[in-house]
């Protein structure tokens, strides 16, 4: 977002005047785990896209056991990444829990409308043995693509789940389960433009492996809470539409204070990304045709010659024409932090001082600079 404010004057000769063409640029601003990883927390903004990610890897094993599939026909023998606490009869993710971001960018677990927790890399692998006479080891694998899509060559019909078996594979087939691994996984949180503001809870995610008599479900990702807030949204304006130093006169002295013009920069924000106490920090920078030093702005006459210099400070008090001030404005694009910008109006005082430069130039003078404000 860009806002411009034109500062200009019309004066009789001899005098000094200046105008500031202020362009205000507004920029609304991611191994194998041995313990459960903390889920996303903190504050994110509506429409921010990918805001958080973490590696996610684990291995789980289970004691071997067997069953008769004609008696217990539905058994998960590979493994699953799921939010469902499993029992000996199930544990795969419910299909209704999987959704796609409104932008189409990513598919994954639906936390809320347009809030998706997706696996963007990695694979899940499970092994088991089929035994009627002798032993044949079978490995089933599912993979996550960068867009969150999950694919597997097994007969699983549930998302994020491999090796869902049924009695159509043969009567009285004995199965011995061994283990499940989640390898090189990356889980990421995405927030789309249709997300609603509020606080949301991430459930525990489990890596499951189970059979008739044993069940394990280590927590891979721990439950957590995070907040979605409106993005920082501000408009800016100068207090005065015209900056005029009026008519001045001086001799050929250098660094003589000729005139002072108090003003201010107004920042109005309906919402900010909260960094504490409902405020945020913005960066303010000025750039322009510097005078003899970067903390001065050249005032030019109609001939293009330097007539005088302008100094500015971000306070209500003038810094004069020779003293240095911590709030001195630099015109070389160097930014400074402006903290505690909150919802509503924040006023930044500005004081402009017209200073002589020992030049024997008279007439109408003008100057211009660009003020740039950015925020996360």
Protein backbone atom coordinates (compact mmCIF):
# COMPACT_ATOMS: atom_id res chain seq x y z
CA UNK A 1 0.00 0.00 0.00
CA UNK A 2 1.36 3.44 -0.93
CA UNK A 3 0.20 6.85 0.21
CA UNK A 4 1.56 10.20 -0.92
CA UNK A 5 1.31 13.64 0.61
CA UNK A 6 2.46 16.79 -1.22
CA UNK A 7 3.95 19.66 0.68
CA UNK A 8 4.36 22.89 -1.22
CA UNK A 9 4.55 26.65 -0.82
CA UNK A 10 4.20 29.80 -2.92
CA UNK A 11 6.18 32.82 -1.70
CA UNK A 12 7.39 36.22 -2.75
CA UNK A 13 11.09 36.84 -3.22
CA UNK A 14 13.36 36.96 -1.27
CA UNK A 15 12.57 34.00 0.94
CA UNK A 16 13.11 30.32 1.40
CA UNK A 17 10.38 27.70 1.09
CA UNK A 18 10.39 23.98 0.59
CA UNK A 19 8.08 21.22 -0.33
CA UNK A 20 8.27 17.57 0.67
CA UNK A 21 6.90 14.92 -1.61
CA UNK A 22 6.44 12.13 0.90
CA UNK A 23 5.92 8.67 -0.49
CA UNK A 24 4.75 6.46 2.34
CA UNK A 25 5.27 2.81 1.49
CA UNK A 26 3.27 0.50 3.70
CA UNK A 27 4.32 -3.09 3.79
CA UNK A 28 2.00 -5.27 5.78
CA UNK A 29 5.73 -7.18 6.68
CA UNK A 30 10.36 -20.77 8.32
CA UNK A 31 16.79 -35.70 12.24
CA UNK A 32 14.92 -37.98 13.93
CA UNK A 33 13.04 -36.74 16.93
CA UNK A 34 13.68 -38.28 20.28
CA UNK A 35 10.88 -36.36 21.99
CA UNK A 36 7.57 -34.90 20.99
CA UNK A 37 7.84 -31.63 19.08
CA UNK A 38 5.95 -28.59 20.32
CA UNK A 39 3.13 -27.46 18.07
CA UNK A 40 2.77 -23.92 16.68
CA UNK A 41 2.22 -21.07 19.12
CA UNK A 42 2.27 -17.28 19.06
CA UNK A 43 0.33 -14.83 16.91
CA UNK A 44 -0.08 -15.02 13.13
CA UNK A 45 -2.05 -12.91 10.68
CA UNK A 46 -4.94 -13.61 8.35
CA UNK A 47 -3.72 -14.55 4.86
CA UNK A 48 -0.09 -14.92 5.91
CA UNK A 49 0.36 -18.28 4.16
CA UNK A 50 3.08 -20.48 5.65
CA UNK A 51 3.82 -19.19 9.14
CA UNK A 52 5.46 -22.10 10.97
CA UNK A 53 7.16 -25.42 10.30
CA UNK A 54 9.05 -28.13 12.15
CA UNK A 55 10.86 -31.39 11.33
CA UNK A 56 8.87 -34.44 12.38
CA UNK A 57 10.40 -37.94 12.51
CA UNK A 58 9.82 -40.93 14.75
CA UNK A 59 10.06 -44.70 14.98
CA UNK A 60 7.63 -46.97 16.80
CA UNK A 61 7.66 -50.73 17.30
CA UNK A 62 5.24 -53.27 18.70
CA UNK A 63 5.38 -56.80 20.02
CA UNK A 64 4.43 -59.38 17.42
CA UNK A 65 0.95 -60.84 17.57
CA UNK A 66 -1.38 -62.64 15.22
CA UNK A 67 -5.09 -62.76 14.53
CA UNK A 68 -7.63 -64.47 12.40
CA UNK A 69 -8.94 -61.97 9.81
CA UNK A 70 -12.15 -63.94 9.41
CA UNK A 71 -12.95 -63.04 13.01
CA UNK A 72 -11.40 -59.57 13.11
CA UNK A 73 -11.48 -58.58 9.45
CA UNK A 74 -10.32 -54.95 9.65
CA UNK A 75 -6.86 -54.35 10.92
CA UNK A 76 -4.35 -51.57 10.35
CA UNK A 77 -0.96 -53.19 9.91
CA UNK A 78 1.28 -50.44 8.60
CA UNK A 79 0.93 -47.26 10.63
CA UNK A 80 -0.68 -43.86 10.68
CA UNK A 81 -0.10 -40.25 11.61
CA UNK A 82 -3.33 -39.36 13.30
CA UNK A 83 -5.09 -37.23 15.91
CA UNK A 84 -7.28 -40.17 16.94
CA UNK A 85 -6.36 -42.11 20.05
CA UNK A 86 -6.26 -45.64 18.62
CA UNK A 87 -7.59 -48.81 20.11
CA UNK A 88 -6.96 -52.34 18.90
CA UNK A 89 -9.55 -51.91 16.17
CA UNK A 90 -8.57 -48.67 14.44
CA UNK A 91 -6.80 -45.34 14.56
CA UNK A 92 -6.55 -43.87 11.06
CA UNK A 93 -7.38 -40.22 10.40
CA UNK A 94 -10.95 -39.41 9.49
CA UNK A 95 -11.18 -38.27 5.88
CA UNK A 96 -13.34 -35.31 6.90
CA UNK A 97 -10.39 -33.86 8.78
CA UNK A 98 -8.40 -33.26 5.59
CA UNK A 99 -8.94 -30.05 3.62
CA UNK A 100 -7.25 -27.76 1.09
CA UNK A 101 -6.34 -24.11 1.63
CA UNK A 102 -8.62 -21.70 -0.24
CA UNK A 103 -5.71 -20.64 -2.42
CA UNK A 104 -5.18 -24.27 -3.45
CA UNK A 105 -1.59 -24.11 -2.23
CA UNK A 106 -1.64 -26.87 0.38
CA UNK A 107 -3.67 -29.83 1.63
CA UNK A 108 -3.58 -31.13 5.18
CA UNK A 109 -5.27 -31.37 8.55
CA UNK A 110 -7.99 -28.76 8.97
CA UNK A 111 -7.59 -26.78 12.20
CA UNK A 112 -10.33 -24.31 11.19
CA UNK A 113 -11.64 -22.60 8.08
CA UNK A 114 -8.62 -21.85 5.86
CA UNK A 115 -6.20 -22.92 8.62
CA UNK A 116 -4.27 -26.02 7.56
CA UNK A 117 -1.60 -28.05 9.36
CA UNK A 118 0.10 -29.95 6.55
CA UNK A 119 2.82 -32.50 6.08
CA UNK A 120 4.95 -31.07 3.28
CA UNK A 121 7.65 -33.75 3.14
CA UNK A 122 8.48 -37.17 4.48
CA UNK A 123 7.17 -40.71 4.36
CA UNK A 124 5.57 -43.20 6.71
CA UNK A 125 6.62 -46.84 6.50
CA UNK A 126 5.19 -49.90 8.22
CA UNK A 127 6.30 -53.54 8.18
CA UNK A 128 4.51 -56.81 8.96
CA UNK A 129 4.81 -60.51 8.21
CA UNK A 130 2.39 -62.77 6.36
CA UNK A 131 2.79 -66.30 7.64
CA UNK A 132 1.00 -69.44 6.53
CA UNK A 133 4.04 -71.53 5.91
CA UNK A 134 7.30 -69.68 6.19
CA UNK A 135 7.52 -65.89 6.67
CA UNK A 136 7.29 -63.10 4.10
CA UNK A 137 8.05 -59.57 5.21
CA UNK A 138 5.87 -56.83 3.69
CA UNK A 139 6.62 -53.13 3.79
CA UNK A 140 3.98 -50.50 3.08
CA UNK A 141 4.83 -46.85 2.49
CA UNK A 142 3.01 -43.56 2.03
CA UNK A 143 4.59 -40.25 1.01
CA UNK A 144 3.77 -36.57 1.39
CA UNK A 145 4.47 -34.18 -1.46
CA UNK A 146 5.43 -30.51 -1.07
CA UNK A 147 1.78 -29.51 -1.55
CA UNK A 148 0.67 -31.85 1.25
CA UNK A 149 -0.77 -34.52 -1.03
CA UNK A 150 -0.46 -38.04 0.44
CA UNK A 151 -0.02 -41.06 -1.81
CA UNK A 152 0.41 -44.76 -1.05
CA UNK A 153 0.38 -47.95 -3.08
CA UNK A 154 -1.25 -49.91 -0.28
CA UNK A 155 -4.97 -50.60 0.04
CA UNK A 156 -5.40 -47.87 2.67
CA UNK A 157 -8.39 -45.63 2.08
CA UNK A 158 -7.84 -43.30 5.03
CA UNK A 159 -5.56 -40.23 4.83
CA UNK A 160 -2.08 -40.36 6.34
CA UNK A 161 -2.51 -44.11 6.86
CA UNK A 162 -0.85 -47.15 5.24
CA UNK A 163 -1.71 -50.84 5.13
CA UNK A 164 -5.38 -50.98 6.08
CA UNK A 165 -6.21 -54.67 5.58
CA UNK A 166 -9.47 -56.56 5.28
CA UNK A 167 -10.56 -60.18 4.96
CA UNK A 168 -10.56 -60.00 1.18
CA UNK A 169 -6.87 -60.83 1.25
CA UNK A 170 -7.45 -64.43 2.25
CA UNK A 171 -9.14 -66.40 4.97
CA UNK A 172 -7.16 -67.23 8.09
CA UNK A 173 -4.12 -65.27 6.97
CA UNK A 174 -1.93 -64.74 10.02
CA UNK A 175 -0.19 -61.38 10.35
CA UNK A 176 2.66 -60.40 12.62
CA UNK A 177 3.16 -56.67 13.06
CA UNK A 178 6.57 -55.16 13.66
CA UNK A 179 6.91 -51.38 13.48
CA UNK A 180 6.20 -47.97 11.97
CA UNK A 181 8.57 -45.15 11.04
CA UNK A 182 7.95 -41.53 10.15
CA UNK A 183 10.97 -40.36 8.19
CA UNK A 184 12.21 -36.90 7.18
CA UNK A 185 8.81 -35.35 7.77
CA UNK A 186 8.10 -31.63 7.79
CA UNK A 187 4.88 -30.29 9.26
CA UNK A 188 3.86 -26.69 8.49
CA UNK A 189 1.05 -24.33 9.42
CA UNK A 190 -0.68 -22.34 6.66
CA UNK A 191 -3.18 -19.53 7.15
CA UNK A 192 -5.30 -18.51 4.17
CA UNK A 193 -7.13 -15.28 3.37
CA UNK A 194 -10.49 -16.65 4.57
CA UNK A 195 -9.24 -17.56 8.04
CA UNK A 196 -11.10 -16.08 10.99
CA UNK A 197 -9.41 -14.26 13.83
CA UNK A 198 -9.32 -16.04 17.18
CA UNK A 199 -7.37 -18.56 19.24
CA UNK A 200 -7.06 -22.13 17.98
CA UNK A 201 -5.94 -25.43 19.50
CA UNK A 202 -3.69 -27.95 17.76
CA UNK A 203 -4.42 -31.51 18.94
CA UNK A 204 -1.84 -34.13 19.75
CA UNK A 205 -0.62 -36.03 16.71
CA UNK A 206 0.19 -39.70 17.24
CA UNK A 207 2.21 -42.26 15.33
CA UNK A 208 0.21 -45.47 15.62
CA UNK A 209 1.06 -49.14 15.31
CA UNK A 210 -1.27 -51.74 16.76
CA UNK A 211 -2.64 -55.26 16.63
CA UNK A 212 -5.21 -57.38 18.48
CA UNK A 213 -3.51 -57.36 21.85
CA UNK A 214 -1.08 -54.44 21.83
CA UNK A 215 -1.40 -50.78 21.01
CA UNK A 216 1.11 -47.93 21.07
CA UNK A 217 0.60 -44.31 20.19
CA UNK A 218 3.60 -42.08 20.92
CA UNK A 219 2.87 -38.37 20.73
CA UNK A 220 4.84 -36.95 17.79
CA UNK A 221 3.48 -33.38 17.89
CA UNK A 222 2.27 -31.92 21.17
CA UNK A 223 -0.95 -30.00 21.53
CA UNK A 224 -0.58 -26.22 21.45
CA UNK A 225 -2.49 -22.98 20.98
CA UNK A 226 -1.96 -20.09 18.60
CA UNK A 227 -3.78 -16.88 17.75
CA UNK A 228 -4.78 -15.43 14.40
CA UNK A 229 -5.10 -11.65 14.32
CA UNK A 230 -5.89 -9.15 11.59
CA UNK A 231 -2.81 -8.03 9.65
CA UNK A 232 -1.23 -4.70 10.44
CA UNK A 233 -3.22 -2.20 8.44
CA UNK A 234 -2.36 1.47 8.65
CA UNK A 235 -2.64 4.74 6.80
CA UNK A 236 -0.26 7.64 7.22
CA UNK A 237 -0.48 11.36 6.70
CA UNK A 238 1.40 14.53 7.56
CA UNK A 239 -0.27 16.99 9.86
CA UNK A 240 0.27 19.86 7.41
CA UNK A 241 -0.52 19.93 3.72
CA UNK A 242 1.98 22.78 3.27
CA UNK A 243 5.38 23.31 4.84
CA UNK A 244 6.50 26.90 4.59
CA UNK A 245 9.41 28.65 6.22
CA UNK A 246 8.06 31.96 5.00
CA UNK A 247 10.21 34.94 4.08
CA UNK A 248 13.67 35.00 5.65
CA UNK A 249 16.81 37.06 5.27
CA UNK A 250 20.38 36.46 6.37
CA UNK A 251 23.99 37.34 5.72
CA UNK A 252 26.63 34.91 4.52
CA UNK A 253 27.07 33.19 7.86
CA UNK A 254 27.13 29.36 7.93
CA UNK A 255 24.83 27.13 10.02
CA UNK A 256 22.65 29.99 11.09
CA UNK A 257 19.12 29.05 12.12
CA UNK A 258 16.79 30.89 9.78
CA UNK A 259 13.36 29.40 10.51
CA UNK A 260 11.64 26.51 12.27
CA UNK A 261 8.51 24.60 11.23
CA UNK A 262 6.89 22.14 13.69
CA UNK A 263 4.82 19.31 12.25
CA UNK A 264 4.06 15.63 12.83
CA UNK A 265 3.51 12.36 11.06
CA UNK A 266 0.24 10.61 11.89
CA UNK A 267 -0.05 6.83 11.72
CA UNK A 268 -3.60 5.47 11.93
CA UNK A 269 -3.98 1.71 12.38
CA UNK A 270 -7.31 -0.14 12.63
CA UNK A 271 -5.28 -3.24 13.52
CA UNK A 272 -1.71 -4.22 14.30
CA UNK A 273 0.11 -7.51 14.70
CA UNK A 274 0.44 -7.53 18.46
CA UNK A 275 4.01 -7.53 19.79
CA UNK A 276 2.79 -6.78 23.30
CA UNK A 277 0.10 -4.49 24.74
CA UNK A 278 -1.59 -4.39 21.35
CA UNK A 279 1.29 -2.50 19.76
CA UNK A 280 3.88 -3.13 17.08
CA UNK A 281 7.16 -1.58 15.94
CA UNK A 282 7.46 0.17 12.58
CA UNK A 283 10.53 1.44 10.77
CA UNK A 284 10.76 5.02 9.55
CA UNK A 285 13.29 6.21 6.97
CA UNK A 286 13.81 9.40 4.95
CA UNK A 287 15.70 9.73 1.68
CA UNK A 288 16.38 12.75 -0.46
CA UNK A 289 19.00 15.00 -2.02
CA UNK A 290 21.34 15.45 0.92
CA UNK A 291 23.22 18.63 1.61
CA UNK A 292 26.80 18.62 2.85
CA UNK A 293 25.99 15.86 5.36
CA UNK A 294 23.45 13.04 5.39
CA UNK A 295 21.45 14.74 8.14
CA UNK A 296 20.71 17.74 5.92
CA UNK A 297 18.42 18.14 2.93
CA UNK A 298 19.53 20.51 0.17
CA UNK A 299 17.28 23.48 -0.61
CA UNK A 300 17.72 24.36 -4.29
CA UNK A 301 16.98 27.56 -6.12
CA UNK A 302 15.57 27.89 -9.62
CA UNK A 303 19.10 27.70 -11.04
CA UNK A 304 19.70 24.37 -9.30
CA UNK A 305 22.28 25.86 -6.94
CA UNK A 306 22.18 25.08 -3.23
CA UNK A 307 20.60 27.95 -1.29
CA UNK A 308 20.38 26.49 2.21
CA UNK A 309 19.90 23.24 4.07
CA UNK A 310 17.06 21.69 6.04
CA UNK A 311 17.54 19.63 9.17
CA UNK A 312 14.89 17.56 10.90
CA UNK A 313 14.37 15.82 14.20
CA UNK A 314 11.70 13.38 15.37
CA UNK A 315 10.87 15.50 18.40
CA UNK A 316 8.89 18.62 19.16
CA UNK A 317 12.10 20.56 19.88
CA UNK A 318 14.50 21.88 17.29
CA UNK A 319 18.03 20.51 17.29
CA UNK A 320 19.46 23.69 15.79
CA UNK A 321 21.85 23.85 12.86
CA UNK A 322 25.02 22.41 14.35
CA UNK A 323 24.22 20.26 17.35
CA UNK A 324 23.59 16.51 17.04
CA UNK A 325 20.47 14.89 18.41
CA UNK A 326 19.63 11.22 18.95
CA UNK A 327 16.42 11.84 17.04
CA UNK A 328 18.18 13.50 14.10
CA UNK A 329 16.70 12.55 10.73
CA UNK A 330 19.11 11.10 8.19
CA UNK A 331 18.22 11.55 4.52
CA UNK A 332 20.20 8.54 3.24
CA UNK A 333 17.45 5.92 3.71
CA UNK A 334 18.70 4.82 7.12
CA UNK A 335 15.74 3.50 9.08
CA UNK A 336 14.99 3.81 12.77
CA UNK A 337 12.58 1.86 14.91
CA UNK A 338 9.40 3.54 16.06
CA UNK A 339 8.04 1.35 18.87
CA UNK A 340 4.62 1.18 20.49
CA UNK A 341 2.55 1.92 17.41
CA UNK A 342 -0.92 0.79 18.43
CA UNK A 343 -4.47 0.62 17.23
CA UNK A 344 -5.74 4.13 16.56
CA UNK A 345 -3.55 7.15 15.90
CA UNK A 346 0.12 7.37 16.78
CA UNK A 347 1.67 10.81 16.29
CA UNK A 348 5.38 11.19 15.55
CA UNK A 349 6.48 14.79 16.14
CA UNK A 350 8.68 16.31 13.43
CA UNK A 351 10.54 19.61 13.63
CA UNK A 352 12.11 21.06 10.49
CA UNK A 353 14.82 23.73 10.72
CA UNK A 354 16.05 25.90 7.85
CA UNK A 355 19.80 26.48 8.13
CA UNK A 356 22.13 28.72 6.16
CA UNK A 357 25.08 27.22 4.30
CA UNK A 358 27.11 30.40 3.57
CA UNK A 359 25.87 30.45 -0.02
CA UNK A 360 24.98 33.77 -1.60
CA UNK A 361 21.86 32.44 -3.28
CA UNK A 362 18.46 34.08 -2.95
CA UNK A 363 14.97 33.54 -4.25
CA UNK A 364 12.46 30.72 -4.09
CA UNK A 365 13.92 27.45 -2.87
CA UNK A 366 12.44 23.99 -2.86
CA UNK A 367 13.42 20.59 -1.52
CA UNK A 368 11.89 17.16 -1.46
CA UNK A 369 12.36 13.91 0.40
CA UNK A 370 10.69 10.52 0.66
CA UNK A 371 9.54 9.14 3.99
CA UNK A 372 9.17 5.36 4.08
CA UNK A 373 7.38 3.45 6.81
CA UNK A 374 7.45 -0.34 6.90
CA UNK A 375 6.13 -2.92 9.33
CA UNK A 376 6.03 -6.71 9.58
